[in-house]
C-alpha cells in the first residue's frame, strides 16, 4: 500500500497549527490541576475524619468526575507528546517501507476509531439534550455535560490522530517508543 508523501504546509496552516499546539499546551494543564484537586480533597477528607468530623459528602463522586474529565481532556495532548501507551512489538521489528506502511495503517485506524467515538458522543449529546436527562447522585446536573466532555475530548483526539497521520513517516524516530520496558 503506497504511503502518501507529505506536502509542505502553507503559511496559514502553519499559523493554525501553532495556535492549536498552544491550545493543547494550555489544555494539558487541566489534568494536572484536576489531579491536584483530587489529592487536596482526599487529604481534607482524611483530615476531617481523623479529627472526628464526617467526611466530605460527594467526595468519591467528585473524584470520579475529575478522573473522567482528565481522561478525555488529556488524551489529545498526550497523543501529541507521544506520552500515550503503545504496544509496538511488530513495528519495532519492521524496517523501511513495511514499517512506514504499518505505521500509516495504525494511524488511519486510530483516526477511524476516534471519529466513531466522537460520532457516538455527538448522538448521546443530542439525545441527552432532547430528552433533558439529569444525572441524580450527590450532584444533580444535566447528562449532556458528560457527553460534551466526551465529544470535546474525542474531537481533539481525532484531530491529533489526523495530524499524526499526516506526519512524515521517514523520520527515524517516528513510530519508535519513547520508553521501552523489558520484561
Protein backbone atom coordinates (compact mmCIF):
# COMPACT_ATOMS: atom_id res chain seq x y z
CA UNK A 1 0.00 0.00 0.00
CA UNK A 2 1.56 3.31 -1.01
CA UNK A 3 2.13 5.83 1.74
CA UNK A 4 1.15 9.37 0.72
CA UNK A 5 4.06 11.77 0.51
CA UNK A 6 3.79 14.81 2.79
CA UNK A 7 3.48 18.32 1.42
CA UNK A 8 4.85 21.48 2.94
CA UNK A 9 2.17 23.36 4.96
CA UNK A 10 1.09 26.81 3.82
CA UNK A 11 1.71 29.85 6.00
CA UNK A 12 -1.94 29.83 7.10
CA UNK A 13 -1.79 26.13 8.00
CA UNK A 14 1.41 26.73 9.99
CA UNK A 15 -0.27 29.55 11.97
CA UNK A 16 -3.35 27.41 12.68
CA UNK A 17 -1.07 24.54 13.72
CA UNK A 18 0.84 26.80 16.15
CA UNK A 19 -2.42 28.10 17.65
CA UNK A 20 -3.69 24.53 18.02
CA UNK A 21 -0.40 23.47 19.66
CA UNK A 22 -0.62 26.38 22.16
CA UNK A 23 -4.23 25.39 22.89
CA UNK A 24 -3.13 21.82 23.64
CA UNK A 25 -0.27 23.19 25.77
CA UNK A 26 -2.84 25.05 27.88
CA UNK A 27 -5.24 22.13 27.87
CA UNK A 28 -2.66 19.72 29.24
CA UNK A 29 -2.55 21.78 32.44
CA UNK A 30 -6.16 20.83 33.23
CA UNK A 31 -5.47 17.15 34.07
CA UNK A 32 -2.64 18.24 36.35
CA UNK A 33 -4.90 20.70 38.13
CA UNK A 34 -7.61 18.04 38.47
CA UNK A 35 -5.12 15.58 39.98
CA UNK A 36 -4.04 18.30 42.42
CA UNK A 37 -7.67 18.91 43.39
CA UNK A 38 -8.19 15.16 43.87
CA UNK A 39 -5.15 15.00 46.18
CA UNK A 40 -6.34 18.00 48.21
CA UNK A 41 -9.90 16.69 48.54
CA UNK A 42 -8.70 13.26 49.67
CA UNK A 43 -6.29 14.85 52.14
CA UNK A 44 -9.02 17.13 53.52
CA UNK A 45 -11.44 14.21 53.82
CA UNK A 46 -8.87 12.11 55.71
CA UNK A 47 -8.05 15.05 57.99
CA UNK A 48 -11.73 15.70 58.77
CA UNK A 49 -12.36 12.02 59.55
CA UNK A 50 -9.29 11.85 61.82
CA UNK A 51 -10.40 14.85 63.88
CA UNK A 52 -13.89 13.44 64.36
CA UNK A 53 -15.97 15.01 61.62
CA UNK A 54 -17.94 13.28 58.90
CA UNK A 55 -16.11 13.02 55.58
CA UNK A 56 -16.89 15.27 52.65
CA UNK A 57 -20.24 14.49 51.07
CA UNK A 58 -19.87 13.51 47.42
CA UNK A 59 -16.08 13.23 47.54
CA UNK A 60 -15.97 9.86 45.74
CA UNK A 61 -18.34 11.16 43.07
CA UNK A 62 -16.27 14.33 42.64
CA UNK A 63 -13.15 12.21 42.16
CA UNK A 64 -14.95 10.00 39.62
CA UNK A 65 -15.95 13.04 37.56
CA UNK A 66 -12.46 14.52 37.81
CA UNK A 67 -10.89 11.27 36.58
CA UNK A 68 -13.45 11.09 33.79
CA UNK A 69 -12.70 14.68 32.78
CA UNK A 70 -8.93 14.43 32.91
CA UNK A 71 -9.02 11.31 30.75
CA UNK A 72 -10.89 12.97 27.90
CA UNK A 73 -9.25 16.37 28.30
CA UNK A 74 -5.75 14.91 28.40
CA UNK A 75 -5.97 12.40 25.55
CA UNK A 76 -5.09 14.77 22.67
CA UNK A 77 -2.14 16.46 24.45
CA UNK A 78 -0.80 13.03 25.46
CA UNK A 79 -1.09 11.79 21.87
CA UNK A 80 0.75 14.85 20.58
CA UNK A 81 3.63 14.31 23.01
CA UNK A 82 3.80 10.58 22.34
CA UNK A 83 3.00 10.00 26.02
CA UNK A 84 0.24 7.51 25.29
CA UNK A 85 0.58 3.78 25.83
CA UNK A 86 1.53 1.91 22.70
CA UNK A 87 2.49 -1.68 22.08
CA UNK A 88 4.77 -1.70 19.04
CA UNK A 89 6.25 -5.18 19.06
CA UNK A 90 5.57 -5.66 15.35
CA UNK A 91 6.50 -2.10 14.42
CA UNK A 92 9.87 -2.38 16.19
CA UNK A 93 10.77 -5.43 14.08
CA UNK A 94 9.89 -3.82 10.72
CA UNK A 95 12.07 -1.52 8.66
CA UNK A 96 11.75 0.78 5.69
CA UNK A 97 8.65 0.64 3.53
CA UNK A 98 6.96 -2.04 5.66
CA UNK A 99 7.42 0.00 8.83
CA UNK A 100 6.02 3.14 7.17
CA UNK A 101 3.04 1.25 5.76
CA UNK A 102 2.14 -0.40 9.08
CA UNK A 103 2.60 2.91 10.93
CA UNK A 104 0.33 4.65 8.41
CA UNK A 105 -2.30 1.89 8.74
CA UNK A 106 -2.26 2.06 12.54
CA UNK A 107 -2.68 5.83 12.38
CA UNK A 108 -5.52 5.55 9.85
CA UNK A 109 -7.31 3.01 12.08
CA UNK A 110 -6.80 5.36 15.05
CA UNK A 111 -8.49 8.18 13.10
CA UNK A 112 -11.44 5.91 12.28
CA UNK A 113 -11.88 4.73 15.88
CA UNK A 114 -11.55 8.23 17.33
CA UNK A 115 -14.07 9.57 14.81
CA UNK A 116 -16.54 6.77 15.64
CA UNK A 117 -16.31 7.57 19.34
CA UNK A 118 -16.85 11.27 18.57
CA UNK A 119 -19.92 10.49 16.45
CA UNK A 120 -21.31 8.27 19.23
CA UNK A 121 -20.71 11.06 21.75
CA UNK A 122 -22.49 13.51 19.44
CA UNK A 123 -25.51 11.18 19.22
CA UNK A 124 -25.54 10.76 23.01
CA UNK A 125 -25.22 14.51 23.49
CA UNK A 126 -28.10 15.26 21.12
CA UNK A 127 -30.26 12.61 22.80
CA UNK A 128 -29.46 13.91 26.30
CA UNK A 129 -30.25 17.50 25.28
CA UNK A 130 -33.51 16.47 23.58
CA UNK A 131 -34.68 14.33 26.49
CA UNK A 132 -33.49 16.70 29.23
CA UNK A 133 -31.98 13.77 31.13
CA UNK A 134 -30.41 14.56 34.50
CA UNK A 135 -27.75 12.75 36.50
CA UNK A 136 -29.01 12.21 40.07
CA UNK A 137 -26.35 11.33 42.60
CA UNK A 138 -24.82 13.62 45.22
CA UNK A 139 -24.62 16.24 42.47
CA UNK A 140 -27.52 16.83 40.12
CA UNK A 141 -26.75 18.15 36.65
CA UNK A 142 -27.78 17.67 33.00
CA UNK A 143 -26.41 14.47 31.47
CA UNK A 144 -25.39 16.31 28.28
CA UNK A 145 -22.44 17.80 30.17
CA UNK A 146 -20.80 14.35 30.34
CA UNK A 147 -21.37 13.79 26.63
CA UNK A 148 -19.99 17.26 25.87
CA UNK A 149 -16.74 16.35 27.67
CA UNK A 150 -16.50 13.07 25.73
CA UNK A 151 -17.26 14.82 22.44
CA UNK A 152 -14.75 17.64 23.03
CA UNK A 153 -12.00 15.25 24.02
CA UNK A 154 -12.57 12.80 21.20
CA UNK A 155 -12.85 15.57 18.59
CA UNK A 156 -9.47 16.89 19.68
CA UNK A 157 -8.14 13.32 19.73
CA UNK A 158 -9.44 12.78 16.18
CA UNK A 159 -7.72 15.98 15.05
CA UNK A 160 -4.49 14.85 16.70
CA UNK A 161 -4.76 11.42 15.05
CA UNK A 162 -5.21 13.15 11.68
CA UNK A 163 -2.13 15.27 12.38
CA UNK A 164 -0.18 12.11 13.25
CA UNK A 165 -1.40 10.52 10.01
CA UNK A 166 -0.04 13.49 8.04
CA UNK A 167 3.39 13.24 9.73
CA UNK A 168 6.39 12.32 7.65
CA UNK A 169 6.83 8.59 8.16
CA UNK A 170 10.50 8.83 7.17
CA UNK A 171 11.50 10.49 10.45
CA UNK A 172 13.89 7.99 12.06
CA UNK A 173 12.29 8.48 15.50
CA UNK A 174 8.74 8.39 14.17
CA UNK A 175 6.75 5.47 15.48
CA UNK A 176 9.52 4.41 17.84
CA UNK A 177 8.64 4.18 21.52
CA UNK A 178 9.79 6.97 23.81
CA UNK A 179 10.29 4.38 26.55
CA UNK A 180 10.79 0.66 26.39
CA UNK A 181 10.00 -1.84 29.10
CA UNK A 182 11.92 -5.09 29.20
CA UNK A 183 10.01 -7.97 30.69
